[in-house]
């Protein structure tokens, strides 16, 4: 059985706008899954339904075999953690240490366990030497890693990252990739919303495409990015290497290494 399941899920906002219609998805332990699509496709609404920030108006969500109906958002969030796109929507403590530790302290965790978890999460996110800094002493791009560390420290089975590469340079994107690899190696599920197709190709073996409020395809990056009808429907573009390969008359190319193999 999948750890996280969405079965025929729909969501209509109080103003009557239907944002998600009849979406079904399943996620197994140890998976890294990218969710892509244009703005308005329903991506963010869908992942907010996963951790209880929003509640489905149709269908059912199961976490670890149990329906989220009737569960508190706090109890769902212990299993499904959500890292917002804008870190400033989450940060409110006066030191990075306190920010990462906040949720653990609220759970009345033993101080020694709090310290161990904070230091472990900070090291994973490249923050171990800055724990006594005020979060806003760090630039916006690095504040994202503070919020990731705060969620990782809580040790949820599912970690949702909303546009983690926005505003990041290549080095930071590589750190994000290493974090995803570390979490999935520990059998966590990492679900990432992103518009960064190069990041998708590099770090994900499974991609879900959403368009016009529905899930349109769930497949490998190669299948997704060479499905011309799907790309047209969803308004997505191929990664740059795919575009270059297409111009040169090659198909099913996904990386620069593959393109070099057929052109050299």
C-alpha atoms as a PDB file:
ATOM      1  CA  UNK A   1       0.000   0.000   0.000  1.00  0.00           C
ATOM      2  CA  UNK A   2       1.218   3.501  -0.829  1.00  0.00           C
ATOM      3  CA  UNK A   3       2.082   5.667   2.167  1.00  0.00           C
ATOM      4  CA  UNK A   4       0.275   8.711   0.722  1.00  0.00           C
ATOM      5  CA  UNK A   5      -2.776   8.417  -1.531  1.00  0.00           C
ATOM      6  CA  UNK A   6      -5.125  10.892  -3.150  1.00  0.00           C
ATOM      7  CA  UNK A   7      -8.242   9.209  -4.448  1.00  0.00           C
ATOM      8  CA  UNK A   8     -10.505  11.249  -6.723  1.00  0.00           C
ATOM      9  CA  UNK A   9      -9.683  14.442  -4.835  1.00  0.00           C
ATOM     10  CA  UNK A  10     -11.289  17.770  -5.735  1.00  0.00           C
ATOM     11  CA  UNK A  11     -11.177  21.187  -4.127  1.00  0.00           C
ATOM     12  CA  UNK A  12     -13.412  24.205  -4.619  1.00  0.00           C
ATOM     13  CA  UNK A  13     -12.548  27.454  -2.845  1.00  0.00           C
ATOM     14  CA  UNK A  14     -15.260  29.228  -0.825  1.00  0.00           C
ATOM     15  CA  UNK A  15     -15.680  31.742  -3.661  1.00  0.00           C
ATOM     16  CA  UNK A  16     -16.763  28.904  -5.942  1.00  0.00           C
ATOM     17  CA  UNK A  17     -13.510  28.529  -7.920  1.00  0.00           C
ATOM     18  CA  UNK A  18     -12.751  24.860  -8.608  1.00  0.00           C
ATOM     19  CA  UNK A  19      -8.960  24.555  -8.343  1.00  0.00           C
ATOM     20  CA  UNK A  20      -8.539  20.765  -8.451  1.00  0.00           C
ATOM     21  CA  UNK A  21     -10.792  18.190 -10.076  1.00  0.00           C
ATOM     22  CA  UNK A  22     -10.758  14.398  -9.596  1.00  0.00           C
ATOM     23  CA  UNK A  23      -7.037  14.001  -8.872  1.00  0.00           C
ATOM     24  CA  UNK A  24      -5.617  10.607  -7.904  1.00  0.00           C
ATOM     25  CA  UNK A  25      -1.970  10.041  -6.965  1.00  0.00           C
ATOM     26  CA  UNK A  26       0.007   7.513  -4.919  1.00  0.00           C
ATOM     27  CA  UNK A  27       3.421   7.907  -3.314  1.00  0.00           C
ATOM     28  CA  UNK A  28       5.660   5.138  -1.979  1.00  0.00           C
ATOM     29  CA  UNK A  29       8.368   5.417   0.673  1.00  0.00           C
ATOM     30  CA  UNK A  30      11.746   6.498  -0.701  1.00  0.00           C
ATOM     31  CA  UNK A  31      10.376   8.322  -3.758  1.00  0.00           C
ATOM     32  CA  UNK A  32      11.349  11.756  -5.048  1.00  0.00           C
ATOM     33  CA  UNK A  33       8.557  13.099  -7.239  1.00  0.00           C
ATOM     34  CA  UNK A  34       8.411  16.390  -9.142  1.00  0.00           C
ATOM     35  CA  UNK A  35       5.013  17.998  -9.723  1.00  0.00           C
ATOM     36  CA  UNK A  36       5.084  20.396 -12.664  1.00  0.00           C
ATOM     37  CA  UNK A  37       2.641  22.562 -14.588  1.00  0.00           C
ATOM     38  CA  UNK A  38       1.837  26.168 -15.371  1.00  0.00           C
ATOM     39  CA  UNK A  39       0.530  28.594 -12.754  1.00  0.00           C
ATOM     40  CA  UNK A  40      -3.111  27.800 -12.113  1.00  0.00           C
ATOM     41  CA  UNK A  41      -2.721  24.104 -12.950  1.00  0.00           C
ATOM     42  CA  UNK A  42      -3.662  23.116  -9.401  1.00  0.00           C
ATOM     43  CA  UNK A  43      -0.223  22.078  -8.102  1.00  0.00           C
ATOM     44  CA  UNK A  44      -0.057  24.126  -4.907  1.00  0.00           C
ATOM     45  CA  UNK A  45      -3.673  23.466  -4.006  1.00  0.00           C
ATOM     46  CA  UNK A  46      -3.031  19.739  -4.421  1.00  0.00           C
ATOM     47  CA  UNK A  47      -0.023  19.622  -2.111  1.00  0.00           C
ATOM     48  CA  UNK A  48      -1.740  21.789   0.493  1.00  0.00           C
ATOM     49  CA  UNK A  49      -4.506  19.191   0.513  1.00  0.00           C
ATOM     50  CA  UNK A  50      -1.879  16.536   1.265  1.00  0.00           C
ATOM     51  CA  UNK A  51      -0.907  18.004   4.634  1.00  0.00           C
ATOM     52  CA  UNK A  52      -4.220  19.426   5.779  1.00  0.00           C
ATOM     53  CA  UNK A  53      -3.673  23.102   5.033  1.00  0.00           C
ATOM     54  CA  UNK A  54      -6.718  22.678   2.806  1.00  0.00           C
ATOM     55  CA  UNK A  55      -9.406  20.003   3.050  1.00  0.00           C
ATOM     56  CA  UNK A  56     -10.810  18.237  -0.021  1.00  0.00           C
ATOM     57  CA  UNK A  57     -14.339  19.072  -1.059  1.00  0.00           C
ATOM     58  CA  UNK A  58     -14.468  15.740  -2.860  1.00  0.00           C
ATOM     59  CA  UNK A  59     -12.577  12.449  -2.723  1.00  0.00           C
ATOM     60  CA  UNK A  60     -10.325  11.127   0.005  1.00  0.00           C
ATOM     61  CA  UNK A  61      -6.713  11.467   1.150  1.00  0.00           C
ATOM     62  CA  UNK A  62      -4.990   8.633   3.012  1.00  0.00           C
ATOM     63  CA  UNK A  63      -1.763   9.049   4.990  1.00  0.00           C
ATOM     64  CA  UNK A  64      -0.220   5.829   6.275  1.00  0.00           C
ATOM     65  CA  UNK A  65      -3.461   4.035   5.513  1.00  0.00           C
ATOM     66  CA  UNK A  66      -5.685   6.456   7.429  1.00  0.00           C
ATOM     67  CA  UNK A  67      -8.068   9.075   6.062  1.00  0.00           C
ATOM     68  CA  UNK A  68      -7.159  12.663   6.871  1.00  0.00           C
ATOM     69  CA  UNK A  69     -10.849  13.468   7.339  1.00  0.00           C
ATOM     70  CA  UNK A  70     -11.383  14.499  10.937  1.00  0.00           C
ATOM     71  CA  UNK A  71      -7.636  14.761  11.638  1.00  0.00           C
ATOM     72  CA  UNK A  72      -6.181  18.063  12.826  1.00  0.00           C
ATOM     73  CA  UNK A  73      -3.774  19.919  10.557  1.00  0.00           C
ATOM     74  CA  UNK A  74      -1.116  19.608  13.276  1.00  0.00           C
ATOM     75  CA  UNK A  75      -1.437  15.827  13.432  1.00  0.00           C
ATOM     76  CA  UNK A  76      -1.233  15.516   9.627  1.00  0.00           C
ATOM     77  CA  UNK A  77       1.778  17.860   9.521  1.00  0.00           C
ATOM     78  CA  UNK A  78       3.726  15.488  11.789  1.00  0.00           C
ATOM     79  CA  UNK A  79       3.671  13.021   8.895  1.00  0.00           C
ATOM     80  CA  UNK A  80       3.481  15.396   5.932  1.00  0.00           C
ATOM     81  CA  UNK A  81       5.711  18.463   6.267  1.00  0.00           C
ATOM     82  CA  UNK A  82       5.329  21.460   3.974  1.00  0.00           C
ATOM     83  CA  UNK A  83       8.052  23.986   3.109  1.00  0.00           C
ATOM     84  CA  UNK A  84       6.475  27.162   1.722  1.00  0.00           C
ATOM     85  CA  UNK A  85       7.789  28.827  -1.420  1.00  0.00           C
ATOM     86  CA  UNK A  86       8.507  32.046   0.493  1.00  0.00           C
ATOM     87  CA  UNK A  87      10.612  31.320   3.608  1.00  0.00           C
ATOM     88  CA  UNK A  88       9.492  34.597   5.152  1.00  0.00           C
ATOM     89  CA  UNK A  89       6.022  33.067   5.508  1.00  0.00           C
ATOM     90  CA  UNK A  90       7.478  30.606   8.043  1.00  0.00           C
ATOM     91  CA  UNK A  91      10.376  32.319   9.827  1.00  0.00           C
ATOM     92  CA  UNK A  92       9.599  34.172  13.067  1.00  0.00           C
ATOM     93  CA  UNK A  93      12.274  33.267  15.643  1.00  0.00           C
ATOM     94  CA  UNK A  94      15.317  35.380  16.552  1.00  0.00           C
ATOM     95  CA  UNK A  95      17.988  32.744  15.862  1.00  0.00           C
ATOM     96  CA  UNK A  96      18.313  29.979  13.303  1.00  0.00           C
ATOM     97  CA  UNK A  97      18.663  27.455  16.130  1.00  0.00           C
ATOM     98  CA  UNK A  98      15.374  28.534  17.689  1.00  0.00           C
ATOM     99  CA  UNK A  99      13.665  28.512  14.308  1.00  0.00           C
ATOM    100  CA  UNK A 100      14.661  24.915  13.620  1.00  0.00           C
ATOM    101  CA  UNK A 101      13.925  23.862  17.210  1.00  0.00           C
ATOM    102  CA  UNK A 102      10.517  25.529  17.518  1.00  0.00           C
ATOM    103  CA  UNK A 103       8.340  22.624  16.399  1.00  0.00           C
ATOM    104  CA  UNK A 104      10.342  20.136  18.446  1.00  0.00           C
ATOM    105  CA  UNK A 105       9.982  22.222  21.603  1.00  0.00           C
ATOM    106  CA  UNK A 106       6.247  22.589  20.988  1.00  0.00           C
ATOM    107  CA  UNK A 107       6.075  18.791  21.010  1.00  0.00           C
ATOM    108  CA  UNK A 108       7.783  18.847  24.431  1.00  0.00           C
ATOM    109  CA  UNK A 109      10.722  16.838  23.149  1.00  0.00           C
ATOM    110  CA  UNK A 110      13.666  16.128  25.423  1.00  0.00           C
ATOM    111  CA  UNK A 111      16.221  19.010  25.188  1.00  0.00           C
ATOM    112  CA  UNK A 112      19.058  16.667  24.264  1.00  0.00           C
ATOM    113  CA  UNK A 113      16.964  15.201  21.448  1.00  0.00           C
ATOM    114  CA  UNK A 114      16.048  18.720  20.296  1.00  0.00           C
ATOM    115  CA  UNK A 115      19.730  19.673  20.147  1.00  0.00           C
ATOM    116  CA  UNK A 116      20.667  16.515  18.243  1.00  0.00           C
ATOM    117  CA  UNK A 117      17.878  16.965  15.695  1.00  0.00           C
ATOM    118  CA  UNK A 118      18.586  20.662  15.165  1.00  0.00           C
ATOM    119  CA  UNK A 119      22.283  20.068  14.606  1.00  0.00           C
ATOM    120  CA  UNK A 120      21.637  17.170  12.241  1.00  0.00           C
ATOM    121  CA  UNK A 121      19.123  19.119  10.160  1.00  0.00           C
ATOM    122  CA  UNK A 122      21.352  22.202  10.131  1.00  0.00           C
ATOM    123  CA  UNK A 123      24.312  20.184   8.877  1.00  0.00           C
ATOM    124  CA  UNK A 124      22.225  18.631   6.111  1.00  0.00           C
ATOM    125  CA  UNK A 125      21.132  22.122   5.002  1.00  0.00           C
ATOM    126  CA  UNK A 126      24.560  23.767   5.269  1.00  0.00           C
ATOM    127  CA  UNK A 127      23.706  25.887   8.314  1.00  0.00           C
ATOM    128  CA  UNK A 128      25.773  24.279  11.060  1.00  0.00           C
ATOM    129  CA  UNK A 129      28.079  27.287  11.557  1.00  0.00           C
ATOM    130  CA  UNK A 130      25.277  29.866  11.639  1.00  0.00           C
ATOM    131  CA  UNK A 131      22.869  28.552  14.250  1.00  0.00           C
ATOM    132  CA  UNK A 132      23.178  31.621  16.492  1.00  0.00           C
ATOM    133  CA  UNK A 133      22.643  34.056  13.617  1.00  0.00           C
ATOM    134  CA  UNK A 134      19.366  35.912  13.200  1.00  0.00           C
ATOM    135  CA  UNK A 135      17.587  34.297  10.223  1.00  0.00           C
ATOM    136  CA  UNK A 136      17.287  37.649   8.446  1.00  0.00           C
ATOM    137  CA  UNK A 137      21.058  38.073   8.519  1.00  0.00           C
ATOM    138  CA  UNK A 138      21.082  35.456   5.763  1.00  0.00           C
ATOM    139  CA  UNK A 139      20.048  36.293   2.177  1.00  0.00           C
ATOM    140  CA  UNK A 140      16.646  35.195   0.921  1.00  0.00           C
ATOM    141  CA  UNK A 141      18.073  32.210  -0.966  1.00  0.00           C
ATOM    142  CA  UNK A 142      19.698  30.783   2.170  1.00  0.00           C
ATOM    143  CA  UNK A 143      16.663  31.479   4.356  1.00  0.00           C
ATOM    144  CA  UNK A 144      14.938  28.803   2.298  1.00  0.00           C
ATOM    145  CA  UNK A 145      17.320  26.276   3.798  1.00  0.00           C
ATOM    146  CA  UNK A 146      16.333  27.383   7.301  1.00  0.00           C
ATOM    147  CA  UNK A 147      12.720  26.465   6.628  1.00  0.00           C
ATOM    148  CA  UNK A 148      13.753  23.178   5.024  1.00  0.00           C
ATOM    149  CA  UNK A 149      15.845  22.361   8.099  1.00  0.00           C
ATOM    150  CA  UNK A 150      12.927  23.196  10.399  1.00  0.00           C
ATOM    151  CA  UNK A 151      10.718  20.687   8.588  1.00  0.00           C
ATOM    152  CA  UNK A 152      13.446  18.034   8.295  1.00  0.00           C
ATOM    153  CA  UNK A 153      14.096  18.271  12.046  1.00  0.00           C
ATOM    154  CA  UNK A 154      10.467  17.319  12.681  1.00  0.00           C
ATOM    155  CA  UNK A 155      11.191  14.053  10.843  1.00  0.00           C
ATOM    156  CA  UNK A 156       7.966  13.707   8.813  1.00  0.00           C
ATOM    157  CA  UNK A 157       7.676  10.775   6.426  1.00  0.00           C
ATOM    158  CA  UNK A 158       6.695  13.160   3.595  1.00  0.00           C
ATOM    159  CA  UNK A 159       8.498  16.436   2.809  1.00  0.00           C
ATOM    160  CA  UNK A 160       6.834  18.827   0.351  1.00  0.00           C
ATOM    161  CA  UNK A 161       9.051  21.512  -1.212  1.00  0.00           C
ATOM    162  CA  UNK A 162       7.285  24.377  -2.979  1.00  0.00           C
ATOM    163  CA  UNK A 163       9.529  25.969  -5.659  1.00  0.00           C
ATOM    164  CA  UNK A 164      12.777  25.327  -3.749  1.00  0.00           C
ATOM    165  CA  UNK A 165      15.088  26.449  -6.585  1.00  0.00           C
ATOM    166  CA  UNK A 166      13.460  29.865  -7.073  1.00  0.00           C
ATOM    167  CA  UNK A 167      16.183  32.460  -6.525  1.00  0.00           C
ATOM    168  CA  UNK A 168      18.896  29.816  -6.088  1.00  0.00           C
ATOM    169  CA  UNK A 169      22.234  29.532  -7.867  1.00  0.00           C
ATOM    170  CA  UNK A 170      23.723  26.285  -9.184  1.00  0.00           C
ATOM    171  CA  UNK A 171      25.571  25.522  -5.928  1.00  0.00           C
ATOM    172  CA  UNK A 172      22.366  25.883  -3.915  1.00  0.00           C
ATOM    173  CA  UNK A 173      20.481  23.709  -6.409  1.00  0.00           C
ATOM    174  CA  UNK A 174      23.132  21.029  -5.943  1.00  0.00           C
ATOM    175  CA  UNK A 175      22.682  21.262  -2.155  1.00  0.00           C
ATOM    176  CA  UNK A 176      18.940  20.830  -2.651  1.00  0.00           C
ATOM    177  CA  UNK A 177      19.627  17.762  -4.765  1.00  0.00           C
ATOM    178  CA  UNK A 178      21.855  16.338  -2.020  1.00  0.00           C
ATOM    179  CA  UNK A 179      19.139  16.980   0.584  1.00  0.00           C
ATOM    180  CA  UNK A 180      16.572  15.179  -1.564  1.00  0.00           C
ATOM    181  CA  UNK A 181      18.940  12.228  -2.053  1.00  0.00           C
ATOM    182  CA  UNK A 182      19.637  12.014   1.694  1.00  0.00           C
ATOM    183  CA  UNK A 183      15.954  12.095   2.592  1.00  0.00           C
ATOM    184  CA  UNK A 184      14.924   9.475   0.050  1.00  0.00           C
ATOM    185  CA  UNK A 185      17.812   7.238   1.161  1.00  0.00           C
ATOM    186  CA  UNK A 186      16.125   7.297   4.579  1.00  0.00           C
ATOM    187  CA  UNK A 187      12.836   6.187   2.958  1.00  0.00           C
ATOM    188  CA  UNK A 188      11.268   9.638   3.091  1.00  0.00           C
ATOM    189  CA  UNK A 189       8.965  10.796   0.312  1.00  0.00           C
ATOM    190  CA  UNK A 190       9.989  14.125  -1.250  1.00  0.00           C
ATOM    191  CA  UNK A 191       7.360  15.879  -3.364  1.00  0.00           C
ATOM    192  CA  UNK A 192       8.624  18.987  -5.140  1.00  0.00           C
ATOM    193  CA  UNK A 193       6.661  21.635  -6.999  1.00  0.00           C
ATOM    194  CA  UNK A 194       8.940  23.351  -9.472  1.00  0.00           C
ATOM    195  CA  UNK A 195       9.112  25.314 -12.725  1.00  0.00           C
ATOM    196  CA  UNK A 196      12.815  24.419 -13.057  1.00  0.00           C
ATOM    197  CA  UNK A 197      12.875  21.721 -15.724  1.00  0.00           C
ATOM    198  CA  UNK A 198      16.658  21.302 -15.584  1.00  0.00           C
ATOM    199  CA  UNK A 199      16.341  20.562 -11.845  1.00  0.00           C
ATOM    200  CA  UNK A 200      13.643  18.000 -12.622  1.00  0.00           C
ATOM    201  CA  UNK A 201      15.838  16.191 -15.153  1.00  0.00           C
ATOM    202  CA  UNK A 202      18.823  16.118 -12.808  1.00  0.00           C
ATOM    203  CA  UNK A 203      17.187  14.939  -9.595  1.00  0.00           C
ATOM    204  CA  UNK A 204      13.871  13.183 -10.292  1.00  0.00           C
ATOM    205  CA  UNK A 205      12.985   9.859 -11.866  1.00  0.00           C
ATOM    206  CA  UNK A 206       9.226  10.402 -11.580  1.00  0.00           C
ATOM    207  CA  UNK A 207       7.282  13.442 -12.764  1.00  0.00           C
ATOM    208  CA  UNK A 208       3.603  14.305 -12.421  1.00  0.00           C
ATOM    209  CA  UNK A 209       2.211  16.852 -14.869  1.00  0.00           C
ATOM    210  CA  UNK A 210      -0.837  18.897 -13.906  1.00  0.00           C
ATOM    211  CA  UNK A 211      -2.809  21.065 -16.300  1.00  0.00           C
ATOM    212  CA  UNK A 212      -6.237  22.634 -16.207  1.00  0.00           C
ATOM    213  CA  UNK A 213      -6.904  21.437 -12.637  1.00  0.00           C
ATOM    214  CA  UNK A 214      -6.193  17.770 -13.315  1.00  0.00           C
ATOM    215  CA  UNK A 215      -3.326  15.293 -13.324  1.00  0.00           C
ATOM    216  CA  UNK A 216      -2.423  14.693 -16.963  1.00  0.00           C
ATOM    217  CA  UNK A 217       0.481  12.240 -16.813  1.00  0.00           C
ATOM    218  CA  UNK A 218       2.686  10.430 -14.295  1.00  0.00           C
ATOM    219  CA  UNK A 219       5.886   9.118 -15.891  1.00  0.00           C
ATOM    220  CA  UNK A 220       9.662   9.420 -16.200  1.00  0.00           C
ATOM    221  CA  UNK A 221      11.272  12.730 -17.227  1.00  0.00           C
ATOM    222  CA  UNK A 222      12.187  11.270 -20.627  1.00  0.00           C
ATOM    223  CA  UNK A 223       8.604  10.248 -21.317  1.00  0.00           C
ATOM    224  CA  UNK A 224       7.248  13.583 -20.080  1.00  0.00           C
ATOM    225  CA  UNK A 225       9.610  15.902 -21.943  1.00  0.00           C
ATOM    226  CA  UNK A 226       9.312  14.100 -25.278  1.00  0.00           C
ATOM    227  CA  UNK A 227       5.522  13.931 -25.197  1.00  0.00           C
ATOM    228  CA  UNK A 228       4.788  16.852 -27.495  1.00  0.00           C
ATOM    229  CA  UNK A 229       1.008  16.664 -27.111  1.00  0.00           C
ATOM    230  CA  UNK A 230       1.331  16.713 -23.333  1.00  0.00           C
ATOM    231  CA  UNK A 231       3.702  19.690 -23.383  1.00  0.00           C
ATOM    232  CA  UNK A 232       1.327  21.592 -25.636  1.00  0.00           C
ATOM    233  CA  UNK A 233      -1.666  20.799 -23.415  1.00  0.00           C
ATOM    234  CA  UNK A 234       0.141  21.795 -20.228  1.00  0.00           C
ATOM    235  CA  UNK A 235       1.960  24.836 -21.620  1.00  0.00           C
ATOM    236  CA  UNK A 236       5.344  23.444 -20.594  1.00  0.00           C
ATOM    237  CA  UNK A 237       8.656  23.707 -22.421  1.00  0.00           C
ATOM    238  CA  UNK A 238      11.334  21.092 -22.787  1.00  0.00           C
ATOM    239  CA  UNK A 239      14.568  21.507 -20.796  1.00  0.00           C
ATOM    240  CA  UNK A 240      17.222  23.358 -22.782  1.00  0.00           C
ATOM    241  CA  UNK A 241      19.148  20.212 -23.730  1.00  0.00           C
ATOM    242  CA  UNK A 242      15.985  18.618 -25.106  1.00  0.00           C
ATOM    243  CA  UNK A 243      15.279  21.766 -27.112  1.00  0.00           C
ATOM    244  CA  UNK A 244      18.807  21.746 -28.538  1.00  0.00           C
ATOM    245  CA  UNK A 245      18.585  18.049 -29.395  1.00  0.00           C
ATOM    246  CA  UNK A 246      15.277  18.698 -31.120  1.00  0.00           C
ATOM    247  CA  UNK A 247      16.816  21.459 -33.242  1.00  0.00           C
ATOM    248  CA  UNK A 248      19.626  19.081 -34.234  1.00  0.00           C
ATOM    249  CA  UNK A 249      17.147  16.383 -35.217  1.00  0.00           C
ATOM    250  CA  UNK A 250      17.625  14.035 -32.270  1.00  0.00           C
ATOM    251  CA  UNK A 251      14.859  12.636 -30.065  1.00  0.00           C
ATOM    252  CA  UNK A 252      14.636  11.171 -26.567  1.00  0.00           C
ATOM    253  CA  UNK A 253      17.763  13.032 -25.436  1.00  0.00           C
ATOM    254  CA  UNK A 254      17.618  14.163 -21.810  1.00  0.00           C
ATOM    255  CA  UNK A 255      21.137  15.187 -20.759  1.00  0.00           C
ATOM    256  CA  UNK A 256      24.186  16.902 -22.223  1.00  0.00           C
ATOM    257  CA  UNK A 257      26.099  13.622 -21.897  1.00  0.00           C
ATOM    258  CA  UNK A 258      23.531  11.839 -24.065  1.00  0.00           C
ATOM    259  CA  UNK A 259      23.660  14.572 -26.667  1.00  0.00           C
ATOM    260  CA  UNK A 260      27.452  14.435 -26.800  1.00  0.00           C
ATOM    261  CA  UNK A 261      27.329  10.689 -27.340  1.00  0.00           C
ATOM    262  CA  UNK A 262      25.260  11.011 -30.509  1.00  0.00           C
ATOM    263  CA  UNK A 263      26.966  14.119 -31.907  1.00  0.00           C
ATOM    264  CA  UNK A 264      30.656  13.440 -31.295  1.00  0.00           C
END
